[in-house]
Amino acid sequence: MHIAVLSDTHMTSPNTRLRTVFENQLSRMDAVLHCGDFTGESVYSYLNCHSGFFAVRGNMDQGTWAADLPFKLVVRLGDWKIGLVHGFGLGDWRDLAGGVFEPGLDLICFGHTHQRLWQEMPGQTSILNPGSFSLPRHDQAGYAVLRQDKGKPAAPHWEQLSD
């Protein structure tokens, strides 16, 4: 199973880059997870056409379309139990595994910081921030891809987007 994790697209509508990445890569994934801050309803609607799409609301997501999105979500994909949250209001990403979600998750994905992070904690929940699809801080724009074999999540492959 291949799982793409995106966050912080910050677009009012799907641009050429998003459409190209979706058609060539994301559409072939078994699941696409988005950690919030679409900022545009049409971006959410476009990605939501993927049959394995799951998303949470970010602090920049406004309007009736966003009101229906949860602030946090737990999904089961294959052998993994994954928590999704945008992450605004967190004092530190370490707060994610301690109190935002129930124990027993394999992975927590979050956004908001626009900075990539992979924290693998043996015997505990791993933490992933895919960075930003369009407005990265200290990294290149992109997203993360996880490959699910047997066992716990391993470090993602970072898909970097060219300018």
N, C-alpha and C. Protein backbone atom coordinates (compact mmCIF):
# COMPACT_ATOMS: atom_id res chain seq x y z
N MET A 1 0.85 -1.18 0.00
CA MET A 1 0.00 0.00 0.00
C MET A 1 0.89 1.23 0.00
N HIS A 2 0.54 2.22 -0.82
CA HIS A 2 1.25 3.49 -0.89
C HIS A 2 0.31 4.61 -0.43
N ILE A 3 0.81 5.42 0.49
CA ILE A 3 0.02 6.48 1.10
C ILE A 3 0.74 7.81 0.91
N ALA A 4 0.08 8.77 0.28
CA ALA A 4 0.63 10.12 0.13
C ALA A 4 0.08 10.99 1.27
N VAL A 5 0.96 11.82 1.85
CA VAL A 5 0.56 12.73 2.92
C VAL A 5 0.94 14.14 2.49
N LEU A 6 -0.08 15.01 2.43
CA LEU A 6 0.10 16.41 2.04
C LEU A 6 -0.38 17.31 3.16
N SER A 7 0.07 18.54 3.10
CA SER A 7 -0.45 19.56 4.01
C SER A 7 -0.19 20.93 3.42
N ASP A 8 -0.92 21.90 3.91
CA ASP A 8 -0.65 23.30 3.62
C ASP A 8 -0.50 23.58 2.13
N THR A 9 -1.54 23.23 1.36
CA THR A 9 -1.52 23.53 -0.07
C THR A 9 -1.71 25.03 -0.31
N HIS A 10 -2.48 25.70 0.53
CA HIS A 10 -2.66 27.16 0.45
C HIS A 10 -2.93 27.65 -0.96
N MET A 11 -4.01 27.14 -1.55
CA MET A 11 -4.42 27.56 -2.89
C MET A 11 -5.91 27.86 -2.89
N THR A 12 -6.32 28.83 -3.68
CA THR A 12 -7.75 29.09 -3.81
C THR A 12 -8.39 28.15 -4.81
N SER A 13 -7.58 27.66 -5.77
CA SER A 13 -8.06 26.67 -6.73
C SER A 13 -6.87 25.82 -7.17
N PRO A 14 -7.13 24.62 -7.68
CA PRO A 14 -6.03 23.75 -8.10
C PRO A 14 -5.20 24.41 -9.21
N ASN A 15 -3.91 24.52 -9.00
CA ASN A 15 -3.05 25.09 -10.03
C ASN A 15 -2.49 23.97 -10.91
N THR A 16 -1.70 24.33 -11.89
CA THR A 16 -1.14 23.36 -12.82
C THR A 16 -0.29 22.33 -12.10
N ARG A 17 0.51 22.76 -11.13
CA ARG A 17 1.37 21.83 -10.38
C ARG A 17 0.53 20.78 -9.66
N LEU A 18 -0.51 21.20 -8.95
CA LEU A 18 -1.35 20.25 -8.22
C LEU A 18 -2.03 19.28 -9.19
N ARG A 19 -2.56 19.79 -10.26
CA ARG A 19 -3.24 18.93 -11.23
C ARG A 19 -2.27 17.90 -11.83
N THR A 20 -1.08 18.33 -12.16
CA THR A 20 -0.08 17.43 -12.74
C THR A 20 0.34 16.37 -11.74
N VAL A 21 0.63 16.77 -10.50
CA VAL A 21 1.03 15.82 -9.46
C VAL A 21 -0.11 14.85 -9.18
N PHE A 22 -1.33 15.36 -9.13
CA PHE A 22 -2.47 14.47 -8.86
C PHE A 22 -2.62 13.44 -9.99
N GLU A 23 -2.60 13.90 -11.22
CA GLU A 23 -2.81 12.99 -12.35
C GLU A 23 -1.68 11.97 -12.50
N ASN A 24 -0.44 12.40 -12.27
CA ASN A 24 0.71 11.53 -12.49
C ASN A 24 1.12 10.69 -11.28
N GLN A 25 0.78 11.14 -10.07
CA GLN A 25 1.26 10.43 -8.89
C GLN A 25 0.17 10.14 -7.87
N LEU A 26 -0.52 11.16 -7.39
CA LEU A 26 -1.47 10.96 -6.30
C LEU A 26 -2.63 10.04 -6.68
N SER A 27 -3.08 10.13 -7.91
CA SER A 27 -4.21 9.29 -8.33
C SER A 27 -3.86 7.80 -8.27
N ARG A 28 -2.58 7.47 -8.30
CA ARG A 28 -2.14 6.07 -8.26
C ARG A 28 -1.92 5.56 -6.83
N MET A 29 -2.01 6.43 -5.86
CA MET A 29 -1.82 6.05 -4.46
C MET A 29 -3.06 5.31 -3.95
N ASP A 30 -2.83 4.44 -2.98
CA ASP A 30 -3.96 3.75 -2.35
C ASP A 30 -4.75 4.69 -1.45
N ALA A 31 -4.06 5.67 -0.87
CA ALA A 31 -4.71 6.65 -0.01
C ALA A 31 -3.96 7.98 -0.12
N VAL A 32 -4.71 9.06 0.03
CA VAL A 32 -4.15 10.41 0.07
C VAL A 32 -4.68 11.07 1.34
N LEU A 33 -3.77 11.50 2.20
CA LEU A 33 -4.12 12.15 3.46
C LEU A 33 -3.72 13.62 3.37
N HIS A 34 -4.59 14.51 3.82
CA HIS A 34 -4.28 15.95 3.81
C HIS A 34 -4.46 16.49 5.23
N CYS A 35 -3.43 17.16 5.73
CA CYS A 35 -3.41 17.66 7.10
C CYS A 35 -3.86 19.11 7.23
N GLY A 36 -4.69 19.58 6.31
CA GLY A 36 -5.33 20.88 6.45
C GLY A 36 -4.60 22.04 5.80
N ASP A 37 -5.30 23.16 5.78
CA ASP A 37 -4.92 24.40 5.11
C ASP A 37 -4.92 24.23 3.59
N PHE A 38 -6.08 23.80 3.09
CA PHE A 38 -6.33 23.81 1.65
C PHE A 38 -6.42 25.26 1.21
N THR A 39 -7.19 26.03 1.96
CA THR A 39 -7.62 27.42 1.82
C THR A 39 -8.66 27.64 0.73
N GLY A 40 -8.85 26.71 -0.15
CA GLY A 40 -9.87 26.86 -1.18
C GLY A 40 -10.76 25.64 -1.28
N GLU A 41 -12.05 25.86 -1.35
CA GLU A 41 -13.00 24.76 -1.46
C GLU A 41 -12.74 23.92 -2.71
N SER A 42 -12.36 24.57 -3.80
CA SER A 42 -12.15 23.81 -5.04
C SER A 42 -10.92 22.91 -4.94
N VAL A 43 -9.94 23.27 -4.13
CA VAL A 43 -8.78 22.40 -3.91
C VAL A 43 -9.22 21.16 -3.13
N TYR A 44 -10.00 21.37 -2.08
CA TYR A 44 -10.53 20.26 -1.30
C TYR A 44 -11.37 19.35 -2.21
N SER A 45 -12.27 19.93 -2.98
CA SER A 45 -13.15 19.14 -3.85
C SER A 45 -12.36 18.35 -4.89
N TYR A 46 -11.33 18.96 -5.43
CA TYR A 46 -10.50 18.30 -6.43
C TYR A 46 -9.82 17.06 -5.83
N LEU A 47 -9.18 17.22 -4.68
CA LEU A 47 -8.50 16.09 -4.04
C LEU A 47 -9.49 15.05 -3.53
N ASN A 48 -10.66 15.49 -3.14
CA ASN A 48 -11.68 14.60 -2.58
C ASN A 48 -12.23 13.61 -3.62
N CYS A 49 -11.90 13.80 -4.88
CA CYS A 49 -12.35 12.83 -5.89
C CYS A 49 -11.55 11.53 -5.82
N HIS A 50 -10.46 11.52 -5.07
CA HIS A 50 -9.69 10.28 -4.86
C HIS A 50 -10.49 9.39 -3.90
N SER A 51 -10.64 8.13 -4.24
CA SER A 51 -11.48 7.23 -3.44
C SER A 51 -10.91 6.96 -2.05
N GLY A 52 -9.63 7.15 -1.85
CA GLY A 52 -9.00 6.93 -0.55
C GLY A 52 -8.53 8.22 0.08
N PHE A 53 -9.34 9.27 -0.03
CA PHE A 53 -8.96 10.59 0.47
C PHE A 53 -9.49 10.83 1.88
N PHE A 54 -8.62 11.31 2.76
CA PHE A 54 -8.99 11.66 4.13
C PHE A 54 -8.35 12.99 4.46
N ALA A 55 -9.09 13.85 5.18
CA ALA A 55 -8.57 15.19 5.44
C ALA A 55 -9.12 15.76 6.75
N VAL A 56 -8.37 16.72 7.28
CA VAL A 56 -8.79 17.48 8.45
C VAL A 56 -8.76 18.97 8.11
N ARG A 57 -9.40 19.73 8.95
CA ARG A 57 -9.50 21.18 8.78
C ARG A 57 -8.26 21.87 9.34
N GLY A 58 -7.77 22.84 8.60
CA GLY A 58 -6.66 23.67 9.07
C GLY A 58 -7.17 25.03 9.53
N ASN A 59 -6.31 25.80 10.15
CA ASN A 59 -6.71 27.10 10.68
C ASN A 59 -7.04 28.10 9.57
N MET A 60 -6.61 27.86 8.35
CA MET A 60 -6.89 28.77 7.23
C MET A 60 -8.10 28.31 6.40
N ASP A 61 -8.70 27.21 6.76
CA ASP A 61 -9.85 26.68 6.03
C ASP A 61 -11.13 27.28 6.60
N GLN A 62 -11.82 28.04 5.78
CA GLN A 62 -13.00 28.79 6.22
C GLN A 62 -14.18 28.48 5.32
N GLY A 63 -15.37 28.70 5.82
CA GLY A 63 -16.58 28.54 5.01
C GLY A 63 -17.34 27.27 5.34
N THR A 64 -18.50 27.13 4.70
CA THR A 64 -19.36 25.98 4.99
C THR A 64 -18.70 24.66 4.62
N TRP A 65 -17.93 24.64 3.53
CA TRP A 65 -17.24 23.41 3.13
C TRP A 65 -16.28 22.95 4.21
N ALA A 66 -15.59 23.88 4.84
CA ALA A 66 -14.60 23.54 5.86
C ALA A 66 -15.25 23.17 7.20
N ALA A 67 -16.42 23.71 7.44
CA ALA A 67 -17.10 23.44 8.71
C ALA A 67 -17.39 21.96 8.89
N ASP A 68 -17.52 21.24 7.79
CA ASP A 68 -17.81 19.81 7.87
C ASP A 68 -16.56 18.95 8.08
N LEU A 69 -15.39 19.55 7.93
CA LEU A 69 -14.14 18.79 8.13
C LEU A 69 -13.83 18.69 9.61
N PRO A 70 -13.39 17.53 10.07
CA PRO A 70 -13.03 17.40 11.49
C PRO A 70 -11.70 18.08 11.77
N PHE A 71 -11.47 18.45 13.02
CA PHE A 71 -10.19 19.00 13.43
C PHE A 71 -9.15 17.90 13.64
N LYS A 72 -9.64 16.71 13.97
CA LYS A 72 -8.75 15.55 14.06
C LYS A 72 -9.52 14.34 13.58
N LEU A 73 -8.77 13.35 13.11
CA LEU A 73 -9.38 12.18 12.51
C LEU A 73 -8.45 11.00 12.71
N VAL A 74 -9.03 9.84 12.96
CA VAL A 74 -8.26 8.59 13.02
C VAL A 74 -8.78 7.68 11.93
N VAL A 75 -7.87 7.19 11.09
CA VAL A 75 -8.24 6.28 10.01
C VAL A 75 -7.41 5.01 10.11
N ARG A 76 -8.01 3.92 9.69
CA ARG A 76 -7.28 2.66 9.60
C ARG A 76 -7.03 2.39 8.13
N LEU A 77 -5.74 2.26 7.80
CA LEU A 77 -5.34 1.94 6.44
C LEU A 77 -4.48 0.68 6.51
N GLY A 78 -5.02 -0.41 6.03
CA GLY A 78 -4.31 -1.68 6.13
C GLY A 78 -4.06 -2.03 7.58
N ASP A 79 -2.80 -2.25 7.92
CA ASP A 79 -2.42 -2.62 9.29
C ASP A 79 -2.20 -1.42 10.20
N TRP A 80 -2.25 -0.23 9.67
CA TRP A 80 -1.92 0.97 10.45
C TRP A 80 -3.14 1.74 10.89
N LYS A 81 -3.02 2.28 12.08
CA LYS A 81 -4.00 3.21 12.62
C LYS A 81 -3.31 4.58 12.64
N ILE A 82 -3.87 5.52 11.88
CA ILE A 82 -3.22 6.82 11.64
C ILE A 82 -4.10 7.96 12.14
N GLY A 83 -3.49 8.86 12.89
CA GLY A 83 -4.16 10.07 13.34
C GLY A 83 -3.77 11.24 12.45
N LEU A 84 -4.75 12.07 12.10
CA LEU A 84 -4.52 13.29 11.32
C LEU A 84 -4.98 14.49 12.11
N VAL A 85 -4.18 15.56 12.08
CA VAL A 85 -4.53 16.81 12.71
C VAL A 85 -3.74 17.90 12.01
N HIS A 86 -4.25 19.12 12.01
CA HIS A 86 -3.48 20.20 11.39
C HIS A 86 -2.32 20.59 12.29
N GLY A 87 -2.62 20.84 13.55
CA GLY A 87 -1.55 21.11 14.50
C GLY A 87 -1.51 22.51 15.07
N PHE A 88 -2.38 23.42 14.61
CA PHE A 88 -2.35 24.75 15.20
C PHE A 88 -2.82 24.66 16.64
N GLY A 89 -2.23 25.48 17.47
CA GLY A 89 -2.58 25.45 18.88
C GLY A 89 -1.70 24.53 19.69
N LEU A 90 -0.88 23.73 19.01
CA LEU A 90 0.04 22.86 19.74
C LEU A 90 1.23 23.68 20.22
N GLY A 91 1.65 23.42 21.43
CA GLY A 91 2.86 24.06 21.91
C GLY A 91 4.08 23.44 21.26
N ASP A 92 4.01 22.16 21.01
CA ASP A 92 5.15 21.41 20.48
C ASP A 92 4.61 20.14 19.84
N TRP A 93 5.25 19.65 18.80
CA TRP A 93 4.77 18.45 18.13
C TRP A 93 4.74 17.25 19.06
N ARG A 94 5.55 17.27 20.12
CA ARG A 94 5.55 16.15 21.06
C ARG A 94 4.22 16.02 21.80
N ASP A 95 3.42 17.10 21.80
CA ASP A 95 2.09 17.06 22.42
C ASP A 95 1.14 16.12 21.68
N LEU A 96 1.45 15.82 20.43
CA LEU A 96 0.56 15.00 19.61
C LEU A 96 0.36 13.61 20.18
N ALA A 97 1.45 12.95 20.51
CA ALA A 97 1.36 11.57 20.98
C ALA A 97 0.92 11.50 22.43
N GLY A 98 1.03 12.59 23.16
CA GLY A 98 0.73 12.55 24.59
C GLY A 98 -0.69 12.85 24.98
N GLY A 99 -1.42 13.64 24.21
CA GLY A 99 -2.73 14.00 24.69
C GLY A 99 -3.77 14.30 23.62
N VAL A 100 -3.35 14.53 22.39
CA VAL A 100 -4.30 14.86 21.33
C VAL A 100 -5.05 13.62 20.86
N PHE A 101 -4.35 12.50 20.80
CA PHE A 101 -4.94 11.25 20.32
C PHE A 101 -4.87 10.17 21.39
N GLU A 102 -5.73 9.17 21.24
CA GLU A 102 -5.71 8.03 22.15
C GLU A 102 -4.45 7.21 21.90
N PRO A 103 -4.02 6.45 22.88
CA PRO A 103 -2.85 5.59 22.70
C PRO A 103 -3.11 4.52 21.64
N GLY A 104 -2.06 3.98 21.10
CA GLY A 104 -2.18 2.86 20.19
C GLY A 104 -2.12 3.19 18.71
N LEU A 105 -1.87 4.45 18.38
CA LEU A 105 -1.73 4.80 16.96
C LEU A 105 -0.34 4.40 16.47
N ASP A 106 -0.27 4.03 15.21
CA ASP A 106 1.02 3.72 14.60
C ASP A 106 1.71 4.98 14.09
N LEU A 107 0.90 5.97 13.68
CA LEU A 107 1.44 7.17 13.05
C LEU A 107 0.50 8.34 13.31
N ILE A 108 1.09 9.51 13.53
CA ILE A 108 0.33 10.75 13.59
C ILE A 108 0.91 11.68 12.53
N CYS A 109 0.03 12.21 11.68
CA CYS A 109 0.42 13.15 10.64
C CYS A 109 -0.15 14.52 10.99
N PHE A 110 0.68 15.55 10.86
CA PHE A 110 0.23 16.91 11.14
C PHE A 110 0.88 17.88 10.16
N GLY A 111 0.40 19.11 10.15
CA GLY A 111 0.92 20.14 9.27
C GLY A 111 1.21 21.41 10.05
N HIS A 112 0.79 22.54 9.49
CA HIS A 112 0.83 23.86 10.09
C HIS A 112 2.20 24.53 10.09
N THR A 113 3.26 23.82 10.35
CA THR A 113 4.57 24.45 10.47
C THR A 113 5.25 24.68 9.12
N HIS A 114 4.78 24.02 8.09
CA HIS A 114 5.37 24.09 6.75
C HIS A 114 6.79 23.54 6.73
N GLN A 115 7.13 22.73 7.70
CA GLN A 115 8.47 22.14 7.79
C GLN A 115 8.35 20.63 7.91
N ARG A 116 9.15 19.93 7.12
CA ARG A 116 9.14 18.47 7.17
C ARG A 116 9.68 17.97 8.50
N LEU A 117 9.07 16.87 8.93
CA LEU A 117 9.53 16.23 10.16
C LEU A 117 9.21 14.75 10.08
N TRP A 118 10.15 13.93 10.43
CA TRP A 118 9.91 12.50 10.63
C TRP A 118 10.54 12.15 11.95
N GLN A 119 9.74 11.67 12.88
CA GLN A 119 10.24 11.26 14.19
C GLN A 119 9.77 9.84 14.44
N GLU A 120 10.70 8.92 14.35
CA GLU A 120 10.38 7.52 14.59
C GLU A 120 10.80 7.19 16.01
N MET A 121 9.85 6.74 16.79
CA MET A 121 10.11 6.43 18.19
C MET A 121 9.84 4.95 18.40
N PRO A 122 10.89 4.14 18.49
CA PRO A 122 10.70 2.68 18.62
C PRO A 122 9.71 2.32 19.72
N GLY A 123 8.77 1.48 19.35
CA GLY A 123 7.76 1.03 20.31
C GLY A 123 6.68 2.05 20.59
N GLN A 124 6.74 3.21 19.93
CA GLN A 124 5.76 4.25 20.17
C GLN A 124 5.18 4.72 18.84
N THR A 125 4.38 5.77 18.91
CA THR A 125 3.78 6.36 17.72
C THR A 125 4.81 7.19 16.97
N SER A 126 4.91 6.97 15.65
CA SER A 126 5.79 7.80 14.82
C SER A 126 5.04 9.07 14.42
N ILE A 127 5.81 10.14 14.15
CA ILE A 127 5.24 11.45 13.86
C ILE A 127 5.73 11.90 12.48
N LEU A 128 4.80 12.41 11.64
CA LEU A 128 5.15 12.88 10.31
C LEU A 128 4.51 14.24 10.04
N ASN A 129 5.32 15.18 9.59
CA ASN A 129 4.82 16.42 9.01
C ASN A 129 5.38 16.45 7.59
N PRO A 130 4.51 16.45 6.57
CA PRO A 130 4.99 16.40 5.19
C PRO A 130 5.54 17.72 4.67
N GLY A 131 5.53 18.76 5.49
CA GLY A 131 5.93 20.08 5.01
C GLY A 131 4.76 20.71 4.26
N SER A 132 5.07 21.64 3.39
CA SER A 132 4.04 22.33 2.64
C SER A 132 4.13 22.00 1.15
N PHE A 133 2.97 21.82 0.55
CA PHE A 133 2.91 21.53 -0.89
C PHE A 133 3.31 22.76 -1.71
N SER A 134 3.08 23.96 -1.15
CA SER A 134 3.34 25.15 -1.97
C SER A 134 4.12 26.27 -1.27
N LEU A 135 4.16 26.29 0.04
CA LEU A 135 4.83 27.37 0.77
C LEU A 135 5.77 26.81 1.84
N PRO A 136 6.82 26.10 1.43
CA PRO A 136 7.69 25.45 2.43
C PRO A 136 8.55 26.44 3.21
N ARG A 137 8.93 26.04 4.39
CA ARG A 137 9.90 26.78 5.20
C ARG A 137 11.12 25.89 5.38
N HIS A 138 12.23 26.32 4.86
CA HIS A 138 13.52 25.62 5.01
C HIS A 138 13.60 24.31 4.24
N ASP A 139 12.66 24.01 3.39
CA ASP A 139 12.66 22.79 2.59
C ASP A 139 12.13 23.15 1.21
N GLN A 140 12.12 22.17 0.33
CA GLN A 140 11.50 22.34 -0.97
C GLN A 140 10.03 21.93 -0.86
N ALA A 141 9.19 22.54 -1.66
CA ALA A 141 7.78 22.17 -1.70
C ALA A 141 7.64 20.69 -2.04
N GLY A 142 6.64 20.05 -1.46
CA GLY A 142 6.43 18.64 -1.76
C GLY A 142 5.45 17.97 -0.83
N TYR A 143 5.61 16.66 -0.73
CA TYR A 143 4.76 15.84 0.12
C TYR A 143 5.51 14.56 0.46
N ALA A 144 4.93 13.75 1.32
CA ALA A 144 5.57 12.51 1.77
C ALA A 144 4.81 11.31 1.22
N VAL A 145 5.55 10.24 0.96
CA VAL A 145 4.94 8.98 0.54
C VAL A 145 5.41 7.88 1.49
N LEU A 146 4.45 7.17 2.04
CA LEU A 146 4.74 6.04 2.92
C LEU A 146 4.39 4.76 2.20
N ARG A 147 5.22 3.77 2.39
CA ARG A 147 4.95 2.45 1.82
C ARG A 147 4.65 1.50 2.98
N GLN A 148 3.48 0.90 2.90
CA GLN A 148 3.08 -0.01 3.97
C GLN A 148 3.38 -1.44 3.57
N ASP A 149 4.31 -2.02 4.28
CA ASP A 149 4.56 -3.44 4.17
C ASP A 149 4.06 -4.02 5.48
N LYS A 150 4.83 -4.87 6.09
CA LYS A 150 4.46 -5.36 7.42
C LYS A 150 5.18 -4.52 8.46
N GLY A 151 4.58 -4.39 9.61
CA GLY A 151 5.22 -3.68 10.70
C GLY A 151 4.83 -2.22 10.77
N LYS A 152 5.58 -1.50 11.59
CA LYS A 152 5.32 -0.09 11.86
C LYS A 152 5.79 0.78 10.70
N PRO A 153 5.30 2.02 10.62
CA PRO A 153 5.74 2.92 9.56
C PRO A 153 7.25 3.18 9.61
N ALA A 154 7.86 3.23 8.45
CA ALA A 154 9.27 3.56 8.32
C ALA A 154 9.37 4.93 7.65
N ALA A 155 10.54 5.51 7.67
CA ALA A 155 10.76 6.84 7.12
C ALA A 155 10.14 7.00 5.74
N PRO A 156 9.49 8.12 5.49
CA PRO A 156 8.83 8.33 4.20
C PRO A 156 9.84 8.65 3.11
N HIS A 157 9.35 8.54 1.90
CA HIS A 157 10.07 9.07 0.74
C HIS A 157 9.54 10.47 0.54
N TRP A 158 10.42 11.45 0.42
CA TRP A 158 10.00 12.83 0.22
C TRP A 158 9.91 13.13 -1.26
N GLU A 159 8.75 13.46 -1.74
CA GLU A 159 8.56 13.88 -3.13
C GLU A 159 8.74 15.40 -3.17
N GLN A 160 9.80 15.83 -3.81
CA GLN A 160 10.07 17.25 -3.91
C GLN A 160 9.56 17.77 -5.24
N LEU A 161 8.94 18.93 -5.21
CA LEU A 161 8.37 19.53 -6.40
C LEU A 161 9.30 20.59 -6.94
N SER A 162 9.53 20.54 -8.23
CA SER A 162 10.41 21.53 -8.85
C SER A 162 9.63 22.82 -9.08
N ASP A 163 10.37 23.90 -9.15
CA ASP A 163 9.72 25.21 -9.37
C ASP A 163 9.24 25.38 -10.77
